[in-house]
Amino acid sequence: MEYSEVVRTTFAAREFTDDPVSDEALLGVLDTARFAPSGGNRQGAHIVIVRDEDTKRALADLSRTGARRYLAQKAAGENPWNPVHPTAVTADELDDVVGVDSFVRPLAVAPVLLVVTIDLAVVAATDQDLERIGVVPGGSIYPLVWNILTGARAHGLGGTITTMASAEEPAVRELLAIPEHHAVAAVLPIGRPVKQLTRLSRAAVADFVTAERFDGRPFGAQ
């Protein structure tokens, strides 16, 4: 599969067949994914491969807190987990939200989970002193995550980035013996998708790229 096709067709896969994902296939994906860049090339990532059924169910359960708030905020017309606009969702609305089970189910039933962590002692957080949530440190881990997903696609596999477990990071650390200085960046369910999508919906280049300034001419517009 050509690179452009892989990038244009790597979708968020959440439904998988019962086909197992072999260690050989995983090694092939990870052996290529490891060439992702990181700040200072310090390569602070660690990946835990989870196949144990009880552990997968535990990670799904730990994702319920994040999923519950996500679904409640979405139902209220908010942008879930947004750091700019505080949520107005009430405790009662959180208690009454529906769909949490189906939301976290892919983590419980996927053939394998990849829990991706990053060593905070080696990331470069050049935005740490700004009065906003930090985003720069993600540059040291999410290129690797994306490489895993595109590599999985190239091998006929699929997955998606889930971050709901991060809301219960201390419990995830305890479950998987993750060191205190490592942050949980993502949990990736990986398997063979029930359906392979080939057409994705994305904004056009001109919709989010401008020339010279943020308010400049849309780039690529006719």
N, C-alpha and C. Protein backbone atom coordinates (compact mmCIF):
# COMPACT_ATOMS: atom_id res chain seq x y z
N MET A 1 0.84 -1.18 0.00
CA MET A 1 0.00 0.00 0.00
C MET A 1 0.89 1.25 0.00
N GLU A 2 0.61 2.17 -0.91
CA GLU A 2 1.38 3.39 -1.02
C GLU A 2 1.17 4.27 0.22
N TYR A 3 2.20 5.07 0.53
CA TYR A 3 2.15 5.93 1.72
C TYR A 3 0.92 6.83 1.72
N SER A 4 0.64 7.49 0.59
CA SER A 4 -0.49 8.42 0.54
C SER A 4 -1.80 7.69 0.78
N GLU A 5 -1.92 6.46 0.31
CA GLU A 5 -3.14 5.70 0.53
C GLU A 5 -3.29 5.32 2.00
N VAL A 6 -2.17 4.94 2.62
CA VAL A 6 -2.21 4.59 4.04
C VAL A 6 -2.69 5.78 4.86
N VAL A 7 -2.10 6.96 4.62
CA VAL A 7 -2.45 8.15 5.38
C VAL A 7 -3.90 8.56 5.14
N ARG A 8 -4.35 8.45 3.91
CA ARG A 8 -5.70 8.88 3.56
C ARG A 8 -6.79 7.89 4.00
N THR A 9 -6.40 6.68 4.40
CA THR A 9 -7.41 5.67 4.73
C THR A 9 -7.24 5.09 6.13
N THR A 10 -6.34 5.65 6.95
CA THR A 10 -6.20 5.16 8.32
C THR A 10 -7.33 5.77 9.16
N PHE A 11 -8.29 4.95 9.49
CA PHE A 11 -9.49 5.42 10.18
C PHE A 11 -9.51 4.92 11.62
N ALA A 12 -10.44 5.44 12.40
CA ALA A 12 -10.59 5.03 13.79
C ALA A 12 -11.37 3.74 13.84
N ALA A 13 -10.67 2.62 13.95
CA ALA A 13 -11.31 1.31 13.98
C ALA A 13 -11.65 0.94 15.42
N ARG A 14 -12.92 0.59 15.66
CA ARG A 14 -13.38 0.24 17.00
C ARG A 14 -14.07 -1.11 17.06
N GLU A 15 -14.35 -1.68 15.90
CA GLU A 15 -14.97 -3.00 15.84
C GLU A 15 -14.02 -3.96 15.14
N PHE A 16 -13.76 -5.08 15.80
CA PHE A 16 -12.75 -6.00 15.30
C PHE A 16 -13.30 -7.42 15.16
N THR A 17 -12.71 -8.16 14.24
CA THR A 17 -13.04 -9.57 14.11
C THR A 17 -12.39 -10.33 15.27
N ASP A 18 -12.65 -11.62 15.32
CA ASP A 18 -12.05 -12.45 16.36
C ASP A 18 -10.64 -12.92 15.99
N ASP A 19 -10.15 -12.50 14.83
CA ASP A 19 -8.82 -12.92 14.40
C ASP A 19 -7.77 -12.44 15.39
N PRO A 20 -6.86 -13.29 15.81
CA PRO A 20 -5.80 -12.85 16.72
C PRO A 20 -4.79 -11.95 16.02
N VAL A 21 -4.11 -11.15 16.81
CA VAL A 21 -3.01 -10.32 16.30
C VAL A 21 -1.72 -10.97 16.81
N SER A 22 -0.94 -11.48 15.89
CA SER A 22 0.25 -12.23 16.29
C SER A 22 1.35 -11.32 16.80
N ASP A 23 2.24 -11.90 17.58
CA ASP A 23 3.42 -11.16 18.02
C ASP A 23 4.24 -10.71 16.82
N GLU A 24 4.27 -11.54 15.79
CA GLU A 24 5.04 -11.21 14.59
C GLU A 24 4.48 -9.96 13.92
N ALA A 25 3.14 -9.88 13.82
CA ALA A 25 2.52 -8.71 13.20
C ALA A 25 2.77 -7.46 14.03
N LEU A 26 2.63 -7.59 15.35
CA LEU A 26 2.88 -6.45 16.22
C LEU A 26 4.32 -5.98 16.12
N LEU A 27 5.24 -6.94 16.10
CA LEU A 27 6.65 -6.57 16.00
C LEU A 27 6.92 -5.83 14.70
N GLY A 28 6.28 -6.27 13.61
CA GLY A 28 6.46 -5.58 12.33
C GLY A 28 5.97 -4.15 12.39
N VAL A 29 4.81 -3.93 13.04
CA VAL A 29 4.27 -2.58 13.18
C VAL A 29 5.18 -1.72 14.05
N LEU A 30 5.57 -2.24 15.19
CA LEU A 30 6.35 -1.46 16.15
C LEU A 30 7.78 -1.21 15.68
N ASP A 31 8.32 -2.15 14.92
CA ASP A 31 9.69 -1.99 14.45
C ASP A 31 9.80 -0.82 13.47
N THR A 32 8.73 -0.54 12.75
CA THR A 32 8.71 0.62 11.87
C THR A 32 8.30 1.88 12.62
N ALA A 33 7.32 1.75 13.52
CA ALA A 33 6.81 2.90 14.26
C ALA A 33 7.88 3.56 15.12
N ARG A 34 8.86 2.79 15.57
CA ARG A 34 9.88 3.31 16.49
C ARG A 34 10.73 4.43 15.89
N PHE A 35 10.65 4.63 14.58
CA PHE A 35 11.42 5.69 13.95
C PHE A 35 10.73 7.05 14.00
N ALA A 36 9.66 7.15 14.76
CA ALA A 36 8.98 8.43 14.96
C ALA A 36 9.92 9.40 15.67
N PRO A 37 9.81 10.69 15.38
CA PRO A 37 10.65 11.68 16.06
C PRO A 37 10.18 11.93 17.49
N SER A 38 11.07 12.45 18.30
CA SER A 38 10.72 12.88 19.66
C SER A 38 11.64 14.03 20.03
N GLY A 39 11.24 14.83 21.02
CA GLY A 39 12.03 15.99 21.42
C GLY A 39 13.45 15.61 21.81
N GLY A 40 14.42 16.21 21.12
CA GLY A 40 15.82 15.91 21.41
C GLY A 40 16.21 14.49 21.08
N ASN A 41 15.36 13.77 20.36
CA ASN A 41 15.55 12.34 20.07
C ASN A 41 15.78 11.55 21.35
N ARG A 42 15.08 11.95 22.42
CA ARG A 42 15.28 11.29 23.71
C ARG A 42 14.45 10.01 23.87
N GLN A 43 13.49 9.82 22.99
CA GLN A 43 12.79 8.54 22.89
C GLN A 43 12.32 8.02 24.25
N GLY A 44 11.49 8.82 24.90
CA GLY A 44 11.03 8.47 26.24
C GLY A 44 9.78 7.62 26.29
N ALA A 45 9.39 7.05 25.18
CA ALA A 45 8.16 6.26 25.13
C ALA A 45 8.35 4.87 25.73
N HIS A 46 7.26 4.34 26.28
CA HIS A 46 7.21 2.94 26.67
C HIS A 46 5.83 2.41 26.30
N ILE A 47 5.78 1.19 25.78
CA ILE A 47 4.52 0.58 25.36
C ILE A 47 4.33 -0.73 26.11
N VAL A 48 3.17 -0.88 26.72
CA VAL A 48 2.80 -2.13 27.38
C VAL A 48 1.78 -2.86 26.49
N ILE A 49 2.11 -4.07 26.07
CA ILE A 49 1.21 -4.88 25.26
C ILE A 49 0.32 -5.69 26.20
N VAL A 50 -0.98 -5.51 26.08
CA VAL A 50 -1.92 -6.17 26.99
C VAL A 50 -2.81 -7.13 26.19
N ARG A 51 -2.71 -8.41 26.54
CA ARG A 51 -3.58 -9.43 25.95
C ARG A 51 -4.49 -10.08 27.00
N ASP A 52 -4.11 -9.99 28.26
CA ASP A 52 -4.87 -10.62 29.33
C ASP A 52 -6.29 -10.06 29.38
N GLU A 53 -7.27 -10.95 29.39
CA GLU A 53 -8.67 -10.53 29.32
C GLU A 53 -9.09 -9.70 30.54
N ASP A 54 -8.64 -10.11 31.71
CA ASP A 54 -9.00 -9.36 32.92
C ASP A 54 -8.40 -7.96 32.90
N THR A 55 -7.18 -7.84 32.43
CA THR A 55 -6.53 -6.52 32.38
C THR A 55 -7.21 -5.62 31.36
N LYS A 56 -7.60 -6.19 30.23
CA LYS A 56 -8.31 -5.40 29.23
C LYS A 56 -9.63 -4.88 29.79
N ARG A 57 -10.35 -5.75 30.50
CA ARG A 57 -11.62 -5.31 31.10
C ARG A 57 -11.38 -4.24 32.16
N ALA A 58 -10.29 -4.37 32.90
CA ALA A 58 -9.97 -3.36 33.92
C ALA A 58 -9.68 -2.02 33.28
N LEU A 59 -8.95 -2.02 32.17
CA LEU A 59 -8.66 -0.77 31.47
C LEU A 59 -9.93 -0.16 30.89
N ALA A 60 -10.83 -1.01 30.42
CA ALA A 60 -12.11 -0.51 29.92
C ALA A 60 -12.90 0.13 31.07
N ASP A 61 -12.89 -0.51 32.23
CA ASP A 61 -13.60 0.05 33.39
C ASP A 61 -12.99 1.38 33.83
N LEU A 62 -11.67 1.47 33.78
CA LEU A 62 -11.00 2.71 34.17
C LEU A 62 -11.25 3.84 33.17
N SER A 63 -11.67 3.48 31.98
CA SER A 63 -11.97 4.48 30.95
C SER A 63 -13.38 5.03 31.09
N ARG A 64 -14.17 4.46 31.97
CA ARG A 64 -15.56 4.86 32.11
C ARG A 64 -15.70 6.29 32.64
N THR A 65 -14.81 6.70 33.55
CA THR A 65 -14.88 8.06 34.09
C THR A 65 -14.76 9.09 32.98
N GLY A 66 -13.74 8.94 32.15
CA GLY A 66 -13.54 9.87 31.04
C GLY A 66 -14.65 9.79 30.02
N ALA A 67 -15.11 8.56 29.73
CA ALA A 67 -16.17 8.38 28.74
C ALA A 67 -17.48 8.98 29.23
N ARG A 68 -17.77 8.82 30.52
CA ARG A 68 -19.01 9.36 31.07
C ARG A 68 -19.07 10.88 30.90
N ARG A 69 -17.97 11.55 31.25
CA ARG A 69 -17.96 13.01 31.09
C ARG A 69 -18.02 13.38 29.61
N TYR A 70 -17.30 12.65 28.76
CA TYR A 70 -17.30 12.93 27.33
C TYR A 70 -18.73 12.89 26.78
N LEU A 71 -19.44 11.82 27.08
CA LEU A 71 -20.79 11.65 26.54
C LEU A 71 -21.76 12.66 27.13
N ALA A 72 -21.61 12.96 28.42
CA ALA A 72 -22.51 13.94 29.05
C ALA A 72 -22.30 15.33 28.45
N GLN A 73 -21.04 15.70 28.25
CA GLN A 73 -20.78 17.02 27.67
C GLN A 73 -21.25 17.09 26.22
N LYS A 74 -21.05 16.02 25.49
CA LYS A 74 -21.51 16.00 24.10
C LYS A 74 -23.02 16.15 24.03
N ALA A 75 -23.74 15.45 24.92
CA ALA A 75 -25.20 15.55 24.95
C ALA A 75 -25.64 16.96 25.32
N ALA A 76 -24.82 17.68 26.09
CA ALA A 76 -25.16 19.04 26.51
C ALA A 76 -24.73 20.08 25.48
N GLY A 77 -24.18 19.65 24.37
CA GLY A 77 -23.76 20.58 23.33
C GLY A 77 -22.41 21.21 23.58
N GLU A 78 -21.63 20.65 24.50
CA GLU A 78 -20.30 21.16 24.79
C GLU A 78 -19.24 20.40 23.98
N ASN A 79 -18.05 20.99 23.92
CA ASN A 79 -16.90 20.28 23.37
C ASN A 79 -16.27 19.49 24.52
N PRO A 80 -16.39 18.17 24.51
CA PRO A 80 -15.97 17.36 25.67
C PRO A 80 -14.51 17.57 26.07
N TRP A 81 -14.31 17.67 27.37
CA TRP A 81 -12.99 17.79 27.98
C TRP A 81 -12.22 19.00 27.46
N ASN A 82 -12.92 20.04 27.06
CA ASN A 82 -12.27 21.23 26.53
C ASN A 82 -11.66 22.06 27.65
N PRO A 83 -10.39 22.46 27.54
CA PRO A 83 -9.73 23.21 28.62
C PRO A 83 -10.06 24.71 28.63
N VAL A 84 -10.68 25.22 27.58
CA VAL A 84 -10.96 26.66 27.49
C VAL A 84 -12.30 27.00 28.13
N HIS A 85 -13.31 26.17 27.87
CA HIS A 85 -14.65 26.44 28.38
C HIS A 85 -15.01 25.39 29.43
N PRO A 86 -15.08 25.78 30.70
CA PRO A 86 -15.43 24.83 31.77
C PRO A 86 -16.79 24.20 31.53
N THR A 87 -16.93 22.96 31.92
CA THR A 87 -18.20 22.26 31.71
C THR A 87 -19.27 22.76 32.67
N ALA A 88 -20.51 22.74 32.18
CA ALA A 88 -21.65 23.08 33.00
C ALA A 88 -22.47 21.83 33.33
N VAL A 89 -21.95 20.67 32.95
CA VAL A 89 -22.64 19.41 33.20
C VAL A 89 -22.71 19.15 34.70
N THR A 90 -23.87 18.76 35.17
CA THR A 90 -24.07 18.51 36.60
C THR A 90 -23.77 17.06 36.96
N ALA A 91 -23.65 16.81 38.25
CA ALA A 91 -23.41 15.45 38.73
C ALA A 91 -24.56 14.53 38.35
N ASP A 92 -25.78 15.05 38.40
CA ASP A 92 -26.95 14.24 38.03
C ASP A 92 -26.89 13.87 36.55
N GLU A 93 -26.47 14.81 35.71
CA GLU A 93 -26.35 14.52 34.28
C GLU A 93 -25.27 13.48 34.02
N LEU A 94 -24.20 13.53 34.79
CA LEU A 94 -23.16 12.51 34.66
C LEU A 94 -23.71 11.14 35.06
N ASP A 95 -24.49 11.10 36.12
CA ASP A 95 -25.06 9.83 36.59
C ASP A 95 -26.04 9.24 35.59
N ASP A 96 -26.74 10.12 34.87
CA ASP A 96 -27.81 9.67 33.98
C ASP A 96 -27.36 9.40 32.55
N VAL A 97 -26.09 9.65 32.24
CA VAL A 97 -25.64 9.51 30.86
C VAL A 97 -25.76 8.07 30.40
N VAL A 98 -26.09 7.89 29.13
CA VAL A 98 -26.22 6.55 28.56
C VAL A 98 -25.14 6.34 27.50
N GLY A 99 -24.81 5.08 27.25
CA GLY A 99 -23.87 4.75 26.18
C GLY A 99 -22.45 4.51 26.64
N VAL A 100 -22.20 4.56 27.95
CA VAL A 100 -20.83 4.39 28.43
C VAL A 100 -20.31 2.99 28.13
N ASP A 101 -21.14 1.99 28.32
CA ASP A 101 -20.70 0.61 28.10
C ASP A 101 -20.22 0.40 26.67
N SER A 102 -21.00 0.85 25.69
CA SER A 102 -20.62 0.67 24.29
C SER A 102 -19.41 1.52 23.93
N PHE A 103 -19.25 2.66 24.63
CA PHE A 103 -18.12 3.55 24.34
C PHE A 103 -16.80 2.88 24.71
N VAL A 104 -16.76 2.20 25.84
CA VAL A 104 -15.50 1.61 26.30
C VAL A 104 -15.34 0.15 25.87
N ARG A 105 -16.35 -0.43 25.28
CA ARG A 105 -16.32 -1.84 24.92
C ARG A 105 -15.14 -2.23 24.03
N PRO A 106 -14.73 -1.40 23.06
CA PRO A 106 -13.58 -1.80 22.22
C PRO A 106 -12.33 -2.15 23.03
N LEU A 107 -12.16 -1.52 24.17
CA LEU A 107 -10.97 -1.81 24.98
C LEU A 107 -11.07 -3.19 25.62
N ALA A 108 -12.28 -3.63 25.89
CA ALA A 108 -12.46 -4.94 26.53
C ALA A 108 -12.40 -6.08 25.54
N VAL A 109 -12.79 -5.84 24.28
CA VAL A 109 -12.93 -6.94 23.33
C VAL A 109 -11.86 -6.97 22.25
N ALA A 110 -11.07 -5.91 22.11
CA ALA A 110 -10.02 -5.92 21.08
C ALA A 110 -9.04 -7.05 21.35
N PRO A 111 -8.47 -7.65 20.31
CA PRO A 111 -7.50 -8.74 20.52
C PRO A 111 -6.31 -8.32 21.37
N VAL A 112 -5.89 -7.07 21.24
CA VAL A 112 -4.73 -6.60 21.99
C VAL A 112 -4.86 -5.10 22.24
N LEU A 113 -4.35 -4.66 23.37
CA LEU A 113 -4.28 -3.23 23.69
C LEU A 113 -2.82 -2.83 23.80
N LEU A 114 -2.52 -1.65 23.29
CA LEU A 114 -1.19 -1.06 23.47
C LEU A 114 -1.35 0.16 24.36
N VAL A 115 -0.77 0.11 25.54
CA VAL A 115 -0.81 1.24 26.46
C VAL A 115 0.48 2.02 26.29
N VAL A 116 0.34 3.25 25.79
CA VAL A 116 1.50 4.07 25.43
C VAL A 116 1.75 5.10 26.53
N THR A 117 2.96 5.11 27.07
CA THR A 117 3.32 6.09 28.10
C THR A 117 4.54 6.89 27.66
N ILE A 118 4.75 8.02 28.32
CA ILE A 118 5.89 8.87 28.01
C ILE A 118 6.58 9.29 29.30
N ASP A 119 7.89 9.21 29.30
CA ASP A 119 8.70 9.60 30.46
C ASP A 119 8.76 11.12 30.54
N LEU A 120 8.09 11.69 31.53
CA LEU A 120 8.05 13.15 31.65
C LEU A 120 9.40 13.75 32.01
N ALA A 121 10.33 12.92 32.43
CA ALA A 121 11.66 13.41 32.79
C ALA A 121 12.50 13.73 31.57
N VAL A 122 12.04 13.35 30.37
CA VAL A 122 12.86 13.59 29.18
C VAL A 122 12.15 14.42 28.12
N VAL A 123 10.87 14.78 28.33
CA VAL A 123 10.18 15.56 27.31
C VAL A 123 10.61 17.02 27.37
N ALA A 124 10.49 17.70 26.24
CA ALA A 124 10.78 19.14 26.16
C ALA A 124 9.45 19.88 26.14
N ALA A 125 9.10 20.52 27.26
CA ALA A 125 7.83 21.23 27.38
C ALA A 125 8.08 22.73 27.31
N THR A 126 8.34 23.23 26.11
CA THR A 126 8.68 24.63 25.95
C THR A 126 7.52 25.58 26.23
N ASP A 127 6.32 25.03 26.39
CA ASP A 127 5.16 25.88 26.69
C ASP A 127 4.75 25.76 28.15
N GLN A 128 5.61 25.22 29.00
CA GLN A 128 5.22 24.94 30.39
C GLN A 128 4.96 26.19 31.22
N ASP A 129 5.50 27.33 30.82
CA ASP A 129 5.32 28.56 31.60
C ASP A 129 4.20 29.45 31.07
N LEU A 130 3.51 29.02 30.05
CA LEU A 130 2.40 29.80 29.51
C LEU A 130 1.14 29.54 30.34
N GLU A 131 0.23 30.51 30.30
CA GLU A 131 -1.00 30.37 31.09
C GLU A 131 -2.07 29.65 30.28
N ARG A 132 -1.75 28.44 29.91
CA ARG A 132 -2.68 27.56 29.20
C ARG A 132 -2.21 26.13 29.40
N ILE A 133 -3.04 25.21 29.01
CA ILE A 133 -2.67 23.81 29.10
C ILE A 133 -1.52 23.51 28.15
N GLY A 134 -0.58 22.69 28.56
CA GLY A 134 0.55 22.37 27.72
C GLY A 134 0.19 21.41 26.60
N VAL A 135 0.71 21.67 25.40
CA VAL A 135 0.48 20.78 24.26
C VAL A 135 1.79 20.31 23.63
N VAL A 136 2.85 21.07 23.80
CA VAL A 136 4.12 20.75 23.13
C VAL A 136 4.67 19.37 23.51
N PRO A 137 4.59 18.94 24.78
CA PRO A 137 5.14 17.63 25.11
C PRO A 137 4.54 16.48 24.31
N GLY A 138 3.31 16.67 23.82
CA GLY A 138 2.70 15.63 23.00
C GLY A 138 3.49 15.32 21.74
N GLY A 139 4.30 16.30 21.31
CA GLY A 139 5.12 16.07 20.12
C GLY A 139 6.17 14.99 20.32
N SER A 140 6.41 14.61 21.57
CA SER A 140 7.40 13.57 21.85
C SER A 140 6.78 12.18 21.93
N ILE A 141 5.46 12.08 21.78
CA ILE A 141 4.83 10.76 21.90
C ILE A 141 3.80 10.48 20.81
N TYR A 142 3.04 11.48 20.37
CA TYR A 142 1.96 11.19 19.43
C TYR A 142 2.41 10.89 18.01
N PRO A 143 3.59 11.36 17.56
CA PRO A 143 4.08 10.84 16.28
C PRO A 143 4.27 9.33 16.31
N LEU A 144 4.73 8.80 17.43
CA LEU A 144 4.87 7.35 17.57
C LEU A 144 3.51 6.68 17.53
N VAL A 145 2.53 7.25 18.22
CA VAL A 145 1.18 6.70 18.23
C VAL A 145 0.61 6.65 16.81
N TRP A 146 0.80 7.73 16.07
CA TRP A 146 0.29 7.77 14.69
C TRP A 146 1.02 6.76 13.82
N ASN A 147 2.32 6.63 14.00
CA ASN A 147 3.07 5.62 13.24
C ASN A 147 2.53 4.22 13.50
N ILE A 148 2.15 3.96 14.74
CA ILE A 148 1.59 2.64 15.07
C ILE A 148 0.30 2.41 14.29
N LEU A 149 -0.58 3.42 14.27
CA LEU A 149 -1.87 3.25 13.60
C LEU A 149 -1.72 3.14 12.09
N THR A 150 -0.84 3.95 11.50
CA THR A 150 -0.64 3.83 10.05
C THR A 150 0.06 2.51 9.72
N GLY A 151 0.98 2.09 10.58
CA GLY A 151 1.63 0.80 10.37
C GLY A 151 0.66 -0.34 10.48
N ALA A 152 -0.26 -0.25 11.43
CA ALA A 152 -1.30 -1.28 11.56
C ALA A 152 -2.15 -1.33 10.29
N ARG A 153 -2.51 -0.16 9.77
CA ARG A 153 -3.30 -0.09 8.55
C ARG A 153 -2.57 -0.77 7.40
N ALA A 154 -1.30 -0.54 7.28
CA ALA A 154 -0.52 -1.14 6.20
C ALA A 154 -0.46 -2.65 6.32
N HIS A 155 -0.65 -3.18 7.53
CA HIS A 155 -0.63 -4.62 7.77
C HIS A 155 -2.04 -5.23 7.76
N GLY A 156 -3.03 -4.44 7.35
CA GLY A 156 -4.40 -4.94 7.32
C GLY A 156 -5.08 -4.93 8.68
N LEU A 157 -4.44 -4.29 9.65
CA LEU A 157 -5.00 -4.16 10.98
C LEU A 157 -5.57 -2.76 11.16
N GLY A 158 -6.05 -2.46 12.35
CA GLY A 158 -6.58 -1.13 12.62
C GLY A 158 -6.67 -0.88 14.10
N GLY A 159 -6.98 0.34 14.44
CA GLY A 159 -7.12 0.72 15.85
C GLY A 159 -7.55 2.16 15.95
N THR A 160 -7.49 2.70 17.13
CA THR A 160 -7.84 4.11 17.33
C THR A 160 -7.13 4.62 18.57
N ILE A 161 -7.00 5.93 18.65
CA ILE A 161 -6.41 6.56 19.84
C ILE A 161 -7.52 6.75 20.87
N THR A 162 -7.36 6.15 22.04
CA THR A 162 -8.27 6.43 23.15
C THR A 162 -7.46 7.02 24.29
N THR A 163 -8.03 8.01 24.95
CA THR A 163 -7.33 8.69 26.04
C THR A 163 -8.17 8.75 27.32
N MET A 164 -9.32 8.11 27.31
CA MET A 164 -10.21 8.20 28.47
C MET A 164 -9.59 7.60 29.73
N ALA A 165 -8.73 6.62 29.58
CA ALA A 165 -8.09 6.01 30.76
C ALA A 165 -7.19 6.99 31.49
N SER A 166 -6.74 8.03 30.79
CA SER A 166 -5.85 9.01 31.43
C SER A 166 -6.52 9.75 32.57
N ALA A 167 -7.85 9.83 32.54
CA ALA A 167 -8.58 10.48 33.63
C ALA A 167 -8.42 9.71 34.95
N GLU A 168 -8.05 8.44 34.84
CA GLU A 168 -7.81 7.60 36.02
C GLU A 168 -6.36 7.12 36.01
N GLU A 169 -5.45 8.02 35.65
CA GLU A 169 -4.05 7.63 35.48
C GLU A 169 -3.43 6.95 36.70
N PRO A 170 -3.65 7.43 37.92
CA PRO A 170 -3.05 6.73 39.06
C PRO A 170 -3.44 5.26 39.13
N ALA A 171 -4.70 4.96 38.85
CA ALA A 171 -5.16 3.57 38.89
C ALA A 171 -4.56 2.76 37.74
N VAL A 172 -4.40 3.38 36.58
CA VAL A 172 -3.76 2.70 35.45
C VAL A 172 -2.30 2.40 35.79
N ARG A 173 -1.64 3.35 36.42
CA ARG A 173 -0.25 3.13 36.85
C ARG A 173 -0.16 1.92 37.77
N GLU A 174 -1.06 1.86 38.73
CA GLU A 174 -1.03 0.74 39.69
C GLU A 174 -1.32 -0.59 38.99
N LEU A 175 -2.28 -0.58 38.08
CA LEU A 175 -2.66 -1.80 37.37
C LEU A 175 -1.51 -2.39 36.57
N LEU A 176 -0.73 -1.51 35.93
CA LEU A 176 0.31 -1.97 35.00
C LEU A 176 1.73 -1.73 35.51
N ALA A 177 1.87 -1.32 36.77
CA ALA A 177 3.18 -1.05 37.37
C ALA A 177 3.96 0.00 36.59
N ILE A 178 3.26 1.06 36.19
CA ILE A 178 3.88 2.15 35.44
C ILE A 178 4.54 3.10 36.43
N PRO A 179 5.78 3.50 36.18
CA PRO A 179 6.48 4.41 37.11
C PRO A 179 5.76 5.75 37.25
N GLU A 180 5.97 6.41 38.38
CA GLU A 180 5.30 7.67 38.69
C GLU A 180 5.60 8.76 37.67
N HIS A 181 6.81 8.78 37.11
CA HIS A 181 7.20 9.85 36.19
C HIS A 181 6.77 9.59 34.75
N HIS A 182 6.04 8.52 34.51
CA HIS A 182 5.51 8.25 33.18
C HIS A 182 4.04 8.66 33.12
N ALA A 183 3.66 9.35 32.06
CA ALA A 183 2.27 9.74 31.84
C ALA A 183 1.63 8.78 30.86
N VAL A 184 0.37 8.47 31.08
CA VAL A 184 -0.38 7.61 30.16
C VAL A 184 -0.89 8.48 29.01
N ALA A 185 -0.33 8.27 27.83
CA ALA A 185 -0.67 9.11 26.68
C ALA A 185 -1.84 8.57 25.88
N ALA A 186 -1.97 7.25 25.79
CA ALA A 186 -3.03 6.67 24.98
C ALA A 186 -3.13 5.17 25.24
N VAL A 187 -4.32 4.66 25.02
CA VAL A 187 -4.54 3.22 24.99
C VAL A 187 -5.10 2.90 23.61
N LEU A 188 -4.40 2.04 22.87
CA LEU A 188 -4.78 1.74 21.49
C LEU A 188 -5.34 0.32 21.39
N PRO A 189 -6.62 0.15 21.11
CA PRO A 189 -7.12 -1.18 20.78
C PRO A 189 -6.68 -1.52 19.36
N ILE A 190 -6.13 -2.70 19.17
CA ILE A 190 -5.61 -3.10 17.86
C ILE A 190 -6.22 -4.44 17.47
N GLY A 191 -6.64 -4.56 16.22
CA GLY A 191 -7.18 -5.80 15.71
C GLY A 191 -7.44 -5.69 14.22
N ARG A 192 -8.10 -6.71 13.68
CA ARG A 192 -8.49 -6.66 12.27
C ARG A 192 -9.90 -6.08 12.20
N PRO A 193 -10.06 -4.92 11.58
CA PRO A 193 -11.37 -4.27 11.56
C PRO A 193 -12.43 -5.12 10.89
N VAL A 194 -13.65 -5.05 11.41
CA VAL A 194 -14.77 -5.74 10.79
C VAL A 194 -14.99 -5.21 9.38
N LYS A 195 -14.80 -3.90 9.22
CA LYS A 195 -14.96 -3.27 7.91
C LYS A 195 -13.79 -2.33 7.68
N GLN A 196 -13.21 -2.40 6.50
CA GLN A 196 -12.09 -1.53 6.15
C GLN A 196 -12.62 -0.33 5.38
N LEU A 197 -12.57 0.84 6.00
CA LEU A 197 -13.02 2.05 5.32
C LEU A 197 -11.95 2.52 4.34
N THR A 198 -12.40 3.12 3.25
CA THR A 198 -11.45 3.63 2.25
C THR A 198 -11.66 5.09 1.93
N ARG A 199 -12.73 5.69 2.46
CA ARG A 199 -12.99 7.11 2.22
C ARG A 199 -13.24 7.79 3.56
N LEU A 200 -12.44 8.80 3.87
CA LEU A 200 -12.57 9.53 5.12
C LEU A 200 -13.01 10.97 4.86
N SER A 201 -13.71 11.56 5.81
CA SER A 201 -14.15 12.95 5.68
C SER A 201 -13.22 13.85 6.49
N ARG A 202 -12.57 14.77 5.82
CA ARG A 202 -11.66 15.70 6.48
C ARG A 202 -11.83 17.10 5.86
N ALA A 203 -11.48 18.13 6.61
CA ALA A 203 -11.53 19.49 6.10
C ALA A 203 -10.54 19.66 4.95
N ALA A 204 -10.89 20.51 4.00
CA ALA A 204 -9.99 20.81 2.89
C ALA A 204 -8.81 21.64 3.40
N VAL A 205 -7.71 21.60 2.67
CA VAL A 205 -6.51 22.35 3.06
C VAL A 205 -6.84 23.82 3.27
N ALA A 206 -7.60 24.40 2.36
CA ALA A 206 -7.93 25.83 2.45
C ALA A 206 -8.78 26.18 3.67
N ASP A 207 -9.38 25.18 4.30
CA ASP A 207 -10.23 25.43 5.46
C ASP A 207 -9.43 25.66 6.74
N PHE A 208 -8.15 25.25 6.76
CA PHE A 208 -7.39 25.42 8.00
C PHE A 208 -5.94 25.84 7.79
N VAL A 209 -5.57 26.17 6.55
CA VAL A 209 -4.21 26.63 6.26
C VAL A 209 -4.28 28.01 5.63
N THR A 210 -3.49 28.96 6.18
CA THR A 210 -3.46 30.31 5.63
C THR A 210 -2.02 30.73 5.35
N ALA A 211 -1.88 31.71 4.46
CA ALA A 211 -0.56 32.19 4.07
C ALA A 211 -0.14 33.37 4.93
N GLU A 212 1.05 33.31 5.47
CA GLU A 212 1.72 34.41 6.16
C GLU A 212 1.19 34.73 7.56
N ARG A 213 -0.13 34.75 7.76
CA ARG A 213 -0.72 35.08 9.05
C ARG A 213 -1.91 34.17 9.33
N PHE A 214 -2.33 34.10 10.62
CA PHE A 214 -3.50 33.30 10.97
C PHE A 214 -4.72 33.76 10.18
N ASP A 215 -4.83 35.10 9.99
CA ASP A 215 -5.96 35.65 9.25
C ASP A 215 -5.61 35.91 7.80
N GLY A 216 -4.59 35.23 7.31
CA GLY A 216 -4.13 35.44 5.94
C GLY A 216 -4.99 34.72 4.91
N ARG A 217 -4.54 34.79 3.66
CA ARG A 217 -5.29 34.18 2.56
C ARG A 217 -5.32 32.67 2.72
N PRO A 218 -6.51 32.07 2.57
CA PRO A 218 -6.59 30.60 2.63
C PRO A 218 -5.67 29.97 1.57
N PHE A 219 -4.84 29.07 2.01
CA PHE A 219 -3.89 28.43 1.12
C PHE A 219 -4.56 27.30 0.35
N GLY A 220 -4.39 27.31 -0.97
CA GLY A 220 -4.95 26.27 -1.80
C GLY A 220 -6.37 26.55 -2.27
N ALA A 221 -6.93 27.74 -1.91
CA ALA A 221 -8.28 28.08 -2.35
C ALA A 221 -8.29 28.39 -3.84
N GLN A 222 -9.38 28.03 -4.49
CA GLN A 222 -9.51 28.34 -5.92
C GLN A 222 -9.77 29.83 -6.12
